[in-house]
């Protein structure tokens, strides 16, 4: 598999933009909270309190290995489907045995 340097550059650029957006959001949250406290503006305090934890949640969500997460979810889904198929087959076999006894 060959590596495409253009793609790596685009990904690095995208990551840089997202990180700067997180920084911008954090600064806006702090500024809103500070402004609200200084001027007694309740809505600014509210938005500051909402934005700041939101930035931390955004960072945690971005940091998660989503490929691994979706692979785990797919494996779990496949296991549940197989279990359901085995359960239905067992139920069908039980019904057949019940009708064969008559």
PDB file of N, CA and C in Angstrom:
ATOM      1  N   UNK A   1       0.843  -1.173   0.000  1.00  0.00           N
ATOM      2  CA  UNK A   1       0.000   0.000   0.000  1.00  0.00           C
ATOM      3  C   UNK A   1       0.894   1.243   0.000  1.00  0.00           C
ATOM      4  N   UNK A   2       0.671   2.125  -0.943  1.00  0.00           N
ATOM      5  CA  UNK A   2       1.475   3.342  -1.034  1.00  0.00           C
ATOM      6  C   UNK A   2       0.794   4.458  -0.259  1.00  0.00           C
ATOM      7  N   UNK A   3       1.604   5.351   0.217  1.00  0.00           N
ATOM      8  CA  UNK A   3       1.085   6.488   0.981  1.00  0.00           C
ATOM      9  C   UNK A   3       0.996   7.692   0.067  1.00  0.00           C
ATOM     10  N   UNK A   4      -0.082   8.402   0.170  1.00  0.00           N
ATOM     11  CA  UNK A   4      -0.290   9.596  -0.621  1.00  0.00           C
ATOM     12  C   UNK A   4       0.083  10.811   0.230  1.00  0.00           C
ATOM     13  N   UNK A   5       1.157  11.522  -0.127  1.00  0.00           N
ATOM     14  CA  UNK A   5       1.568  12.667   0.704  1.00  0.00           C
ATOM     15  C   UNK A   5       0.533  13.795   0.685  1.00  0.00           C
ATOM     16  N   UNK A   6      -0.201  13.945  -0.419  1.00  0.00           N
ATOM     17  CA  UNK A   6      -1.238  14.980  -0.463  1.00  0.00           C
ATOM     18  C   UNK A   6      -2.330  14.705   0.561  1.00  0.00           C
ATOM     19  N   UNK A   7      -2.729  13.439   0.672  1.00  0.00           N
ATOM     20  CA  UNK A   7      -3.767  13.079   1.629  1.00  0.00           C
ATOM     21  C   UNK A   7      -3.298  13.329   3.058  1.00  0.00           C
ATOM     22  N   UNK A   8      -2.053  12.982   3.351  1.00  0.00           N
ATOM     23  CA  UNK A   8      -1.515  13.219   4.688  1.00  0.00           C
ATOM     24  C   UNK A   8      -1.491  14.710   4.994  1.00  0.00           C
ATOM     25  N   UNK A   9      -1.145  15.524   4.007  1.00  0.00           N
ATOM     26  CA  UNK A   9      -1.117  16.972   4.194  1.00  0.00           C
ATOM     27  C   UNK A   9      -2.522  17.502   4.444  1.00  0.00           C
ATOM     28  N   UNK A  10      -3.504  16.984   3.690  1.00  0.00           N
ATOM     29  CA  UNK A  10      -4.885  17.412   3.886  1.00  0.00           C
ATOM     30  C   UNK A  10      -5.379  17.032   5.277  1.00  0.00           C
ATOM     31  N   UNK A  11      -5.046  15.811   5.729  1.00  0.00           N
ATOM     32  CA  UNK A  11      -5.466  15.379   7.059  1.00  0.00           C
ATOM     33  C   UNK A  11      -4.818  16.234   8.141  1.00  0.00           C
ATOM     34  N   UNK A  12      -3.544  16.548   7.978  1.00  0.00           N
ATOM     35  CA  UNK A  12      -2.849  17.390   8.957  1.00  0.00           C
ATOM     36  C   UNK A  12      -3.467  18.782   8.991  1.00  0.00           C
ATOM     37  N   UNK A  13      -3.812  19.300   7.820  1.00  0.00           N
ATOM     38  CA  UNK A  13      -4.429  20.612   7.744  1.00  0.00           C
ATOM     39  C   UNK A  13      -5.800  20.599   8.409  1.00  0.00           C
ATOM     40  N   UNK A  14      -6.569  19.543   8.172  1.00  0.00           N
ATOM     41  CA  UNK A  14      -7.885  19.424   8.780  1.00  0.00           C
ATOM     42  C   UNK A  14      -7.777  19.338  10.295  1.00  0.00           C
ATOM     43  N   UNK A  15      -6.831  18.545  10.781  1.00  0.00           N
ATOM     44  CA  UNK A  15      -6.633  18.426  12.228  1.00  0.00           C
ATOM     45  C   UNK A  15      -6.243  19.781  12.817  1.00  0.00           C
ATOM     46  N   UNK A  16      -5.393  20.506  12.126  1.00  0.00           N
ATOM     47  CA  UNK A  16      -5.004  21.833  12.587  1.00  0.00           C
ATOM     48  C   UNK A  16      -6.190  22.776  12.679  1.00  0.00           C
ATOM     49  N   UNK A  17      -7.064  22.712  11.690  1.00  0.00           N
ATOM     50  CA  UNK A  17      -8.251  23.577  11.715  1.00  0.00           C
ATOM     51  C   UNK A  17      -9.192  23.189  12.842  1.00  0.00           C
ATOM     52  N   UNK A  18      -9.367  21.891  13.068  1.00  0.00           N
ATOM     53  CA  UNK A  18     -10.265  21.451  14.137  1.00  0.00           C
ATOM     54  C   UNK A  18      -9.708  21.851  15.494  1.00  0.00           C
ATOM     55  N   UNK A  19      -8.394  21.674  15.683  1.00  0.00           N
ATOM     56  CA  UNK A  19      -7.796  22.065  16.955  1.00  0.00           C
ATOM     57  C   UNK A  19      -7.943  23.559  17.189  1.00  0.00           C
ATOM     58  N   UNK A  20      -7.756  24.354  16.163  1.00  0.00           N
ATOM     59  CA  UNK A  20      -7.891  25.795  16.348  1.00  0.00           C
ATOM     60  C   UNK A  20      -9.348  26.165  16.606  1.00  0.00           C
ATOM     61  N   UNK A  21     -10.287  25.402  16.044  1.00  0.00           N
ATOM     62  CA  UNK A  21     -11.700  25.651  16.319  1.00  0.00           C
ATOM     63  C   UNK A  21     -12.020  25.330  17.776  1.00  0.00           C
ATOM     64  N   UNK A  22     -11.431  24.256  18.302  1.00  0.00           N
ATOM     65  CA  UNK A  22     -11.630  23.941  19.721  1.00  0.00           C
ATOM     66  C   UNK A  22     -11.078  25.060  20.600  1.00  0.00           C
ATOM     67  N   UNK A  23      -9.913  25.541  20.236  1.00  0.00           N
ATOM     68  CA  UNK A  23      -9.308  26.638  20.999  1.00  0.00           C
ATOM     69  C   UNK A  23     -10.197  27.875  20.943  1.00  0.00           C
ATOM     70  N   UNK A  24     -10.699  28.173  19.759  1.00  0.00           N
ATOM     71  CA  UNK A  24     -11.595  29.320  19.594  1.00  0.00           C
ATOM     72  C   UNK A  24     -12.852  29.159  20.451  1.00  0.00           C
ATOM     73  N   UNK A  25     -13.447  27.971  20.436  1.00  0.00           N
ATOM     74  CA  UNK A  25     -14.652  27.734  21.237  1.00  0.00           C
ATOM     75  C   UNK A  25     -14.361  27.894  22.734  1.00  0.00           C
ATOM     76  N   UNK A  26     -13.206  27.378  23.165  1.00  0.00           N
ATOM     77  CA  UNK A  26     -12.843  27.500  24.580  1.00  0.00           C
ATOM     78  C   UNK A  26     -12.683  28.981  24.960  1.00  0.00           C
ATOM     79  N   UNK A  27     -12.002  29.716  24.118  1.00  0.00           N
ATOM     80  CA  UNK A  27     -11.821  31.145  24.393  1.00  0.00           C
ATOM     81  C   UNK A  27     -13.162  31.884  24.415  1.00  0.00           C
ATOM     82  N   UNK A  28     -14.057  31.516  23.508  1.00  0.00           N
ATOM     83  CA  UNK A  28     -15.378  32.157  23.483  1.00  0.00           C
ATOM     84  C   UNK A  28     -16.164  31.814  24.755  1.00  0.00           C
ATOM     85  N   UNK A  29     -16.064  30.567  25.211  1.00  0.00           N
ATOM     86  CA  UNK A  29     -16.742  30.178  26.441  1.00  0.00           C
ATOM     87  C   UNK A  29     -16.218  30.937  27.648  1.00  0.00           C
ATOM     88  N   UNK A  30     -14.890  31.043  27.723  1.00  0.00           N
ATOM     89  CA  UNK A  30     -14.268  31.772  28.844  1.00  0.00           C
ATOM     90  C   UNK A  30     -14.632  33.247  28.773  1.00  0.00           C
ATOM     91  N   UNK A  31     -14.574  33.818  27.575  1.00  0.00           N
ATOM     92  CA  UNK A  31     -14.910  35.239  27.414  1.00  0.00           C
ATOM     93  C   UNK A  31     -16.365  35.494  27.782  1.00  0.00           C
ATOM     94  N   UNK A  32     -17.258  34.610  27.340  1.00  0.00           N
ATOM     95  CA  UNK A  32     -18.677  34.774  27.649  1.00  0.00           C
ATOM     96  C   UNK A  32     -18.919  34.672  29.148  1.00  0.00           C
ATOM     97  N   UNK A  33     -18.285  33.707  29.790  1.00  0.00           N
ATOM     98  CA  UNK A  33     -18.431  33.540  31.237  1.00  0.00           C
ATOM     99  C   UNK A  33     -17.880  34.753  31.987  1.00  0.00           C
ATOM    100  N   UNK A  34     -16.698  35.191  31.588  1.00  0.00           N
ATOM    101  CA  UNK A  34     -16.073  36.363  32.225  1.00  0.00           C
ATOM    102  C   UNK A  34     -16.942  37.610  32.048  1.00  0.00           C
ATOM    103  N   UNK A  35     -17.413  37.847  30.806  1.00  0.00           N
ATOM    104  CA  UNK A  35     -18.253  39.007  30.531  1.00  0.00           C
ATOM    105  C   UNK A  35     -19.535  38.958  31.357  1.00  0.00           C
ATOM    106  N   UNK A  36     -20.129  37.749  31.434  1.00  0.00           N
ATOM    107  CA  UNK A  36     -21.362  37.606  32.193  1.00  0.00           C
ATOM    108  C   UNK A  36     -21.174  37.871  33.671  1.00  0.00           C
ATOM    109  N   UNK A  37     -20.060  37.389  34.218  1.00  0.00           N
ATOM    110  CA  UNK A  37     -19.794  37.616  35.648  1.00  0.00           C
ATOM    111  C   UNK A  37     -19.531  39.090  35.925  1.00  0.00           C
ATOM    112  N   UNK A  38     -18.720  39.735  35.077  1.00  0.00           N
ATOM    113  CA  UNK A  38     -18.365  41.143  35.291  1.00  0.00           C
ATOM    114  C   UNK A  38     -19.585  42.048  35.157  1.00  0.00           C
ATOM    115  N   UNK A  39     -20.411  41.802  34.132  1.00  0.00           N
ATOM    116  CA  UNK A  39     -21.551  42.691  33.872  1.00  0.00           C
ATOM    117  C   UNK A  39     -22.877  42.164  34.411  1.00  0.00           C
ATOM    118  N   UNK A  40     -22.854  41.022  35.044  1.00  0.00           N
ATOM    119  CA  UNK A  40     -24.087  40.466  35.603  1.00  0.00           C
ATOM    120  C   UNK A  40     -25.075  40.008  34.538  1.00  0.00           C
ATOM    121  N   UNK A  41     -24.566  39.601  33.375  1.00  0.00           N
ATOM    122  CA  UNK A  41     -25.424  39.141  32.283  1.00  0.00           C
ATOM    123  C   UNK A  41     -25.643  37.638  32.433  1.00  0.00           C
ATOM    124  N   UNK A  42     -26.836  37.286  32.842  1.00  0.00           N
ATOM    125  CA  UNK A  42     -27.146  35.885  33.130  1.00  0.00           C
ATOM    126  C   UNK A  42     -26.978  34.980  31.917  1.00  0.00           C
ATOM    127  N   UNK A  43     -27.420  35.415  30.760  1.00  0.00           N
ATOM    128  CA  UNK A  43     -27.330  34.577  29.554  1.00  0.00           C
ATOM    129  C   UNK A  43     -25.875  34.314  29.172  1.00  0.00           C
ATOM    130  N   UNK A  44     -25.020  35.295  29.341  1.00  0.00           N
ATOM    131  CA  UNK A  44     -23.602  35.084  29.037  1.00  0.00           C
ATOM    132  C   UNK A  44     -22.976  34.078  29.995  1.00  0.00           C
ATOM    133  N   UNK A  45     -23.368  34.145  31.252  1.00  0.00           N
ATOM    134  CA  UNK A  45     -22.875  33.170  32.234  1.00  0.00           C
ATOM    135  C   UNK A  45     -23.362  31.773  31.836  1.00  0.00           C
ATOM    136  N   UNK A  46     -24.648  31.682  31.482  1.00  0.00           N
ATOM    137  CA  UNK A  46     -25.220  30.403  31.066  1.00  0.00           C
ATOM    138  C   UNK A  46     -24.458  29.824  29.881  1.00  0.00           C
ATOM    139  N   UNK A  47     -24.258  30.627  28.821  1.00  0.00           N
ATOM    140  CA  UNK A  47     -23.570  30.115  27.631  1.00  0.00           C
ATOM    141  C   UNK A  47     -22.119  29.757  27.919  1.00  0.00           C
ATOM    142  N   UNK A  48     -21.475  30.520  28.781  1.00  0.00           N
ATOM    143  CA  UNK A  48     -20.106  30.182  29.171  1.00  0.00           C
ATOM    144  C   UNK A  48     -20.048  28.848  29.891  1.00  0.00           C
ATOM    145  N   UNK A  49     -21.026  28.611  30.783  1.00  0.00           N
ATOM    146  CA  UNK A  49     -21.077  27.355  31.526  1.00  0.00           C
ATOM    147  C   UNK A  49     -21.391  26.183  30.594  1.00  0.00           C
ATOM    148  N   UNK A  50     -22.154  26.414  29.547  1.00  0.00           N
ATOM    149  CA  UNK A  50     -22.487  25.357  28.585  1.00  0.00           C
ATOM    150  C   UNK A  50     -21.324  25.098  27.623  1.00  0.00           C
ATOM    151  N   UNK A  51     -20.693  26.140  27.137  1.00  0.00           N
ATOM    152  CA  UNK A  51     -19.650  26.002  26.109  1.00  0.00           C
ATOM    153  C   UNK A  51     -18.400  25.313  26.651  1.00  0.00           C
ATOM    154  N   UNK A  52     -17.952  25.687  27.828  1.00  0.00           N
ATOM    155  CA  UNK A  52     -16.687  25.170  28.351  1.00  0.00           C
ATOM    156  C   UNK A  52     -16.708  23.643  28.523  1.00  0.00           C
ATOM    157  N   UNK A  53     -17.700  23.051  29.197  1.00  0.00           N
ATOM    158  CA  UNK A  53     -17.710  21.577  29.257  1.00  0.00           C
ATOM    159  C   UNK A  53     -17.945  20.949  27.875  1.00  0.00           C
ATOM    160  N   UNK A  54     -18.688  21.656  27.017  1.00  0.00           N
ATOM    161  CA  UNK A  54     -18.919  21.153  25.663  1.00  0.00           C
ATOM    162  C   UNK A  54     -17.635  20.988  24.886  1.00  0.00           C
ATOM    163  N   UNK A  55     -16.698  21.888  25.084  1.00  0.00           N
ATOM    164  CA  UNK A  55     -15.405  21.793  24.406  1.00  0.00           C
ATOM    165  C   UNK A  55     -14.651  20.554  24.892  1.00  0.00           C
ATOM    166  N   UNK A  56     -14.707  20.285  26.189  1.00  0.00           N
ATOM    167  CA  UNK A  56     -14.032  19.098  26.715  1.00  0.00           C
ATOM    168  C   UNK A  56     -14.681  17.817  26.191  1.00  0.00           C
ATOM    169  N   UNK A  57     -16.024  17.807  26.101  1.00  0.00           N
ATOM    170  CA  UNK A  57     -16.706  16.632  25.547  1.00  0.00           C
ATOM    171  C   UNK A  57     -16.351  16.454  24.077  1.00  0.00           C
ATOM    172  N   UNK A  58     -16.290  17.554  23.333  1.00  0.00           N
ATOM    173  CA  UNK A  58     -15.906  17.494  21.923  1.00  0.00           C
ATOM    174  C   UNK A  58     -14.509  16.914  21.770  1.00  0.00           C
ATOM    175  N   UNK A  59     -13.596  17.351  22.616  1.00  0.00           N
ATOM    176  CA  UNK A  59     -12.223  16.841  22.566  1.00  0.00           C
ATOM    177  C   UNK A  59     -12.188  15.339  22.850  1.00  0.00           C
ATOM    178  N   UNK A  60     -12.959  14.902  23.847  1.00  0.00           N
ATOM    179  CA  UNK A  60     -12.980  13.477  24.195  1.00  0.00           C
ATOM    180  C   UNK A  60     -13.582  12.655  23.058  1.00  0.00           C
ATOM    181  N   UNK A  61     -14.631  13.142  22.443  1.00  0.00           N
ATOM    182  CA  UNK A  61     -15.276  12.435  21.334  1.00  0.00           C
ATOM    183  C   UNK A  61     -14.334  12.350  20.143  1.00  0.00           C
ATOM    184  N   UNK A  62     -13.645  13.426  19.845  1.00  0.00           N
ATOM    185  CA  UNK A  62     -12.705  13.435  18.711  1.00  0.00           C
ATOM    186  C   UNK A  62     -11.546  12.484  18.948  1.00  0.00           C
ATOM    187  N   UNK A  63     -11.129  12.356  20.201  1.00  0.00           N
ATOM    188  CA  UNK A  63      -9.954  11.555  20.528  1.00  0.00           C
ATOM    189  C   UNK A  63     -10.246  10.056  20.457  1.00  0.00           C
ATOM    190  N   UNK A  64     -11.509   9.687  20.551  1.00  0.00           N
ATOM    191  CA  UNK A  64     -11.883   8.274  20.575  1.00  0.00           C
ATOM    192  C   UNK A  64     -11.527   7.596  19.251  1.00  0.00           C
ATOM    193  N   UNK A  65     -11.131   6.340  19.342  1.00  0.00           N
ATOM    194  CA  UNK A  65     -10.796   5.562  18.151  1.00  0.00           C
ATOM    195  C   UNK A  65     -12.101   5.009  17.579  1.00  0.00           C
ATOM    196  N   UNK A  66     -12.677   5.739  16.629  1.00  0.00           N
ATOM    197  CA  UNK A  66     -13.992   5.381  16.108  1.00  0.00           C
ATOM    198  C   UNK A  66     -13.950   4.127  15.247  1.00  0.00           C
ATOM    199  N   UNK A  67     -12.846   3.887  14.559  1.00  0.00           N
ATOM    200  CA  UNK A  67     -12.743   2.676  13.747  1.00  0.00           C
ATOM    201  C   UNK A  67     -12.858   1.447  14.638  1.00  0.00           C
ATOM    202  N   UNK A  68     -12.117   1.449  15.720  1.00  0.00           N
ATOM    203  CA  UNK A  68     -12.168   0.339  16.666  1.00  0.00           C
ATOM    204  C   UNK A  68     -13.567   0.224  17.273  1.00  0.00           C
ATOM    205  N   UNK A  69     -14.172   1.352  17.605  1.00  0.00           N
ATOM    206  CA  UNK A  69     -15.514   1.361  18.195  1.00  0.00           C
ATOM    207  C   UNK A  69     -16.520   0.706  17.256  1.00  0.00           C
ATOM    208  N   UNK A  70     -16.499   1.096  15.979  1.00  0.00           N
ATOM    209  CA  UNK A  70     -17.469   0.532  15.036  1.00  0.00           C
ATOM    210  C   UNK A  70     -17.195  -0.936  14.762  1.00  0.00           C
ATOM    211  N   UNK A  71     -15.941  -1.357  14.793  1.00  0.00           N
ATOM    212  CA  UNK A  71     -15.631  -2.782  14.637  1.00  0.00           C
ATOM    213  C   UNK A  71     -16.191  -3.578  15.818  1.00  0.00           C
ATOM    214  N   UNK A  72     -16.052  -3.046  17.017  1.00  0.00           N
ATOM    215  CA  UNK A  72     -16.603  -3.711  18.195  1.00  0.00           C
ATOM    216  C   UNK A  72     -18.126  -3.784  18.118  1.00  0.00           C
ATOM    217  N   UNK A  73     -18.751  -2.695  17.685  1.00  0.00           N
ATOM    218  CA  UNK A  73     -20.209  -2.685  17.560  1.00  0.00           C
ATOM    219  C   UNK A  73     -20.670  -3.691  16.512  1.00  0.00           C
ATOM    220  N   UNK A  74     -19.958  -3.779  15.402  1.00  0.00           N
ATOM    221  CA  UNK A  74     -20.299  -4.746  14.351  1.00  0.00           C
ATOM    222  C   UNK A  74     -20.160  -6.172  14.862  1.00  0.00           C
ATOM    223  N   UNK A  75     -19.086  -6.470  15.596  1.00  0.00           N
ATOM    224  CA  UNK A  75     -18.884  -7.808  16.143  1.00  0.00           C
ATOM    225  C   UNK A  75     -19.995  -8.154  17.132  1.00  0.00           C
ATOM    226  N   UNK A  76     -20.370  -7.204  17.970  1.00  0.00           N
ATOM    227  CA  UNK A  76     -21.443  -7.426  18.931  1.00  0.00           C
ATOM    228  C   UNK A  76     -22.768  -7.673  18.212  1.00  0.00           C
ATOM    229  N   UNK A  77     -23.034  -6.911  17.168  1.00  0.00           N
ATOM    230  CA  UNK A  77     -24.267  -7.072  16.392  1.00  0.00           C
ATOM    231  C   UNK A  77     -24.310  -8.450  15.724  1.00  0.00           C
ATOM    232  N   UNK A  78     -23.174  -8.859  15.161  1.00  0.00           N
ATOM    233  CA  UNK A  78     -23.099 -10.162  14.508  1.00  0.00           C
ATOM    234  C   UNK A  78     -23.327 -11.281  15.527  1.00  0.00           C
ATOM    235  N   UNK A  79     -22.755 -11.137  16.715  1.00  0.00           N
ATOM    236  CA  UNK A  79     -22.930 -12.132  17.770  1.00  0.00           C
ATOM    237  C   UNK A  79     -24.394 -12.228  18.188  1.00  0.00           C
ATOM    238  N   UNK A  80     -25.069 -11.092  18.315  1.00  0.00           N
ATOM    239  CA  UNK A  80     -26.481 -11.091  18.669  1.00  0.00           C
ATOM    240  C   UNK A  80     -27.324 -11.755  17.577  1.00  0.00           C
ATOM    241  N   UNK A  81     -26.989 -11.487  16.313  1.00  0.00           N
ATOM    242  CA  UNK A  81     -27.716 -12.119  15.213  1.00  0.00           C
ATOM    243  C   UNK A  81     -27.536 -13.635  15.241  1.00  0.00           C
ATOM    244  N   UNK A  82     -26.308 -14.098  15.462  1.00  0.00           N
ATOM    245  CA  UNK A  82     -26.046 -15.532  15.527  1.00  0.00           C
ATOM    246  C   UNK A  82     -26.795 -16.176  16.692  1.00  0.00           C
ATOM    247  N   UNK A  83     -26.828 -15.494  17.828  1.00  0.00           N
ATOM    248  CA  UNK A  83     -27.556 -15.989  18.992  1.00  0.00           C
ATOM    249  C   UNK A  83     -29.045 -16.101  18.666  1.00  0.00           C
ATOM    250  N   UNK A  84     -29.594 -15.096  18.005  1.00  0.00           N
ATOM    251  CA  UNK A  84     -31.008 -15.105  17.630  1.00  0.00           C
ATOM    252  C   UNK A  84     -31.306 -16.255  16.658  1.00  0.00           C
ATOM    253  N   UNK A  85     -30.420 -16.506  15.706  1.00  0.00           N
ATOM    254  CA  UNK A  85     -30.600 -17.607  14.752  1.00  0.00           C
ATOM    255  C   UNK A  85     -30.584 -18.947  15.488  1.00  0.00           C
ATOM    256  N   UNK A  86     -29.628 -19.117  16.416  1.00  0.00           N
ATOM    257  CA  UNK A  86     -29.564 -20.368  17.189  1.00  0.00           C
ATOM    258  C   UNK A  86     -30.823 -20.553  18.037  1.00  0.00           C
ATOM    259  N   UNK A  87     -31.326 -19.479  18.620  1.00  0.00           N
ATOM    260  CA  UNK A  87     -32.524 -19.546  19.444  1.00  0.00           C
ATOM    261  C   UNK A  87     -33.730 -19.948  18.601  1.00  0.00           C
ATOM    262  N   UNK A  88     -33.848 -19.353  17.419  1.00  0.00           N
ATOM    263  CA  UNK A  88     -34.966 -19.705  16.534  1.00  0.00           C
ATOM    264  C   UNK A  88     -34.868 -21.150  16.066  1.00  0.00           C
ATOM    265  N   UNK A  89     -33.650 -21.591  15.743  1.00  0.00           N
ATOM    266  CA  UNK A  89     -33.465 -22.984  15.319  1.00  0.00           C
ATOM    267  C   UNK A  89     -33.823 -23.946  16.441  1.00  0.00           C
ATOM    268  N   UNK A  90     -33.436 -23.611  17.661  1.00  0.00           N
ATOM    269  CA  UNK A  90     -33.763 -24.456  18.812  1.00  0.00           C
ATOM    270  C   UNK A  90     -35.271 -24.478  19.035  1.00  0.00           C
ATOM    271  N   UNK A  91     -35.912 -23.338  18.889  1.00  0.00           N
ATOM    272  CA  UNK A  91     -37.366 -23.279  19.065  1.00  0.00           C
ATOM    273  C   UNK A  91     -38.066 -24.086  17.972  1.00  0.00           C
ATOM    274  N   UNK A  92     -37.578 -23.971  16.736  1.00  0.00           N
ATOM    275  CA  UNK A  92     -38.162 -24.726  15.631  1.00  0.00           C
ATOM    276  C   UNK A  92     -37.958 -26.224  15.840  1.00  0.00           C
ATOM    277  N   UNK A  93     -36.799 -26.636  16.325  1.00  0.00           N
ATOM    278  CA  UNK A  93     -36.526 -28.042  16.592  1.00  0.00           C
ATOM    279  C   UNK A  93     -37.431 -28.549  17.703  1.00  0.00           C
ATOM    280  N   UNK A  94     -37.679 -27.743  18.690  1.00  0.00           N
ATOM    281  CA  UNK A  94     -38.582 -28.117  19.786  1.00  0.00           C
ATOM    282  C   UNK A  94     -40.002 -28.291  19.291  1.00  0.00           C
ATOM    283  N   UNK A  95     -40.439 -27.430  18.378  1.00  0.00           N
ATOM    284  CA  UNK A  95     -41.771 -27.554  17.807  1.00  0.00           C
ATOM    285  C   UNK A  95     -41.884 -28.819  16.979  1.00  0.00           C
ATOM    286  N   UNK A  96     -40.850 -29.127  16.210  1.00  0.00           N
ATOM    287  CA  UNK A  96     -40.862 -30.336  15.381  1.00  0.00           C
ATOM    288  C   UNK A  96     -40.934 -31.580  16.254  1.00  0.00           C
ATOM    289  N   UNK A  97     -40.183 -31.575  17.346  1.00  0.00           N
ATOM    290  CA  UNK A  97     -40.196 -32.726  18.243  1.00  0.00           C
ATOM    291  C   UNK A  97     -41.568 -32.883  18.866  1.00  0.00           C
ATOM    292  N   UNK A  98     -42.199 -31.785  19.190  1.00  0.00           N
ATOM    293  CA  UNK A  98     -43.542 -31.826  19.793  1.00  0.00           C
ATOM    294  C   UNK A  98     -44.575 -32.357  18.822  1.00  0.00           C
ATOM    295  N   UNK A  99     -44.461 -32.004  17.542  1.00  0.00           N
ATOM    296  CA  UNK A  99     -45.422 -32.487  16.550  1.00  0.00           C
ATOM    297  C   UNK A  99     -45.123 -33.905  16.149  1.00  0.00           C
ATOM    298  N   UNK A 100     -43.864 -34.333  16.213  1.00  0.00           N
ATOM    299  CA  UNK A 100     -43.489 -35.700  15.885  1.00  0.00           C
ATOM    300  C   UNK A 100     -44.007 -36.672  16.947  1.00  0.00           C
ATOM    301  N   UNK A 101     -44.141 -36.239  18.195  1.00  0.00           N
ATOM    302  CA  UNK A 101     -44.567 -37.110  19.273  1.00  0.00           C
ATOM    303  C   UNK A 101     -46.054 -37.447  19.169  1.00  0.00           C
ATOM    304  N   UNK A 102     -46.811 -36.607  18.499  1.00  0.00           N
ATOM    305  CA  UNK A 102     -48.253 -36.840  18.387  1.00  0.00           C
ATOM    306  C   UNK A 102     -48.518 -37.893  17.436  1.00  0.00           C
TER     307      UNK A 102
END
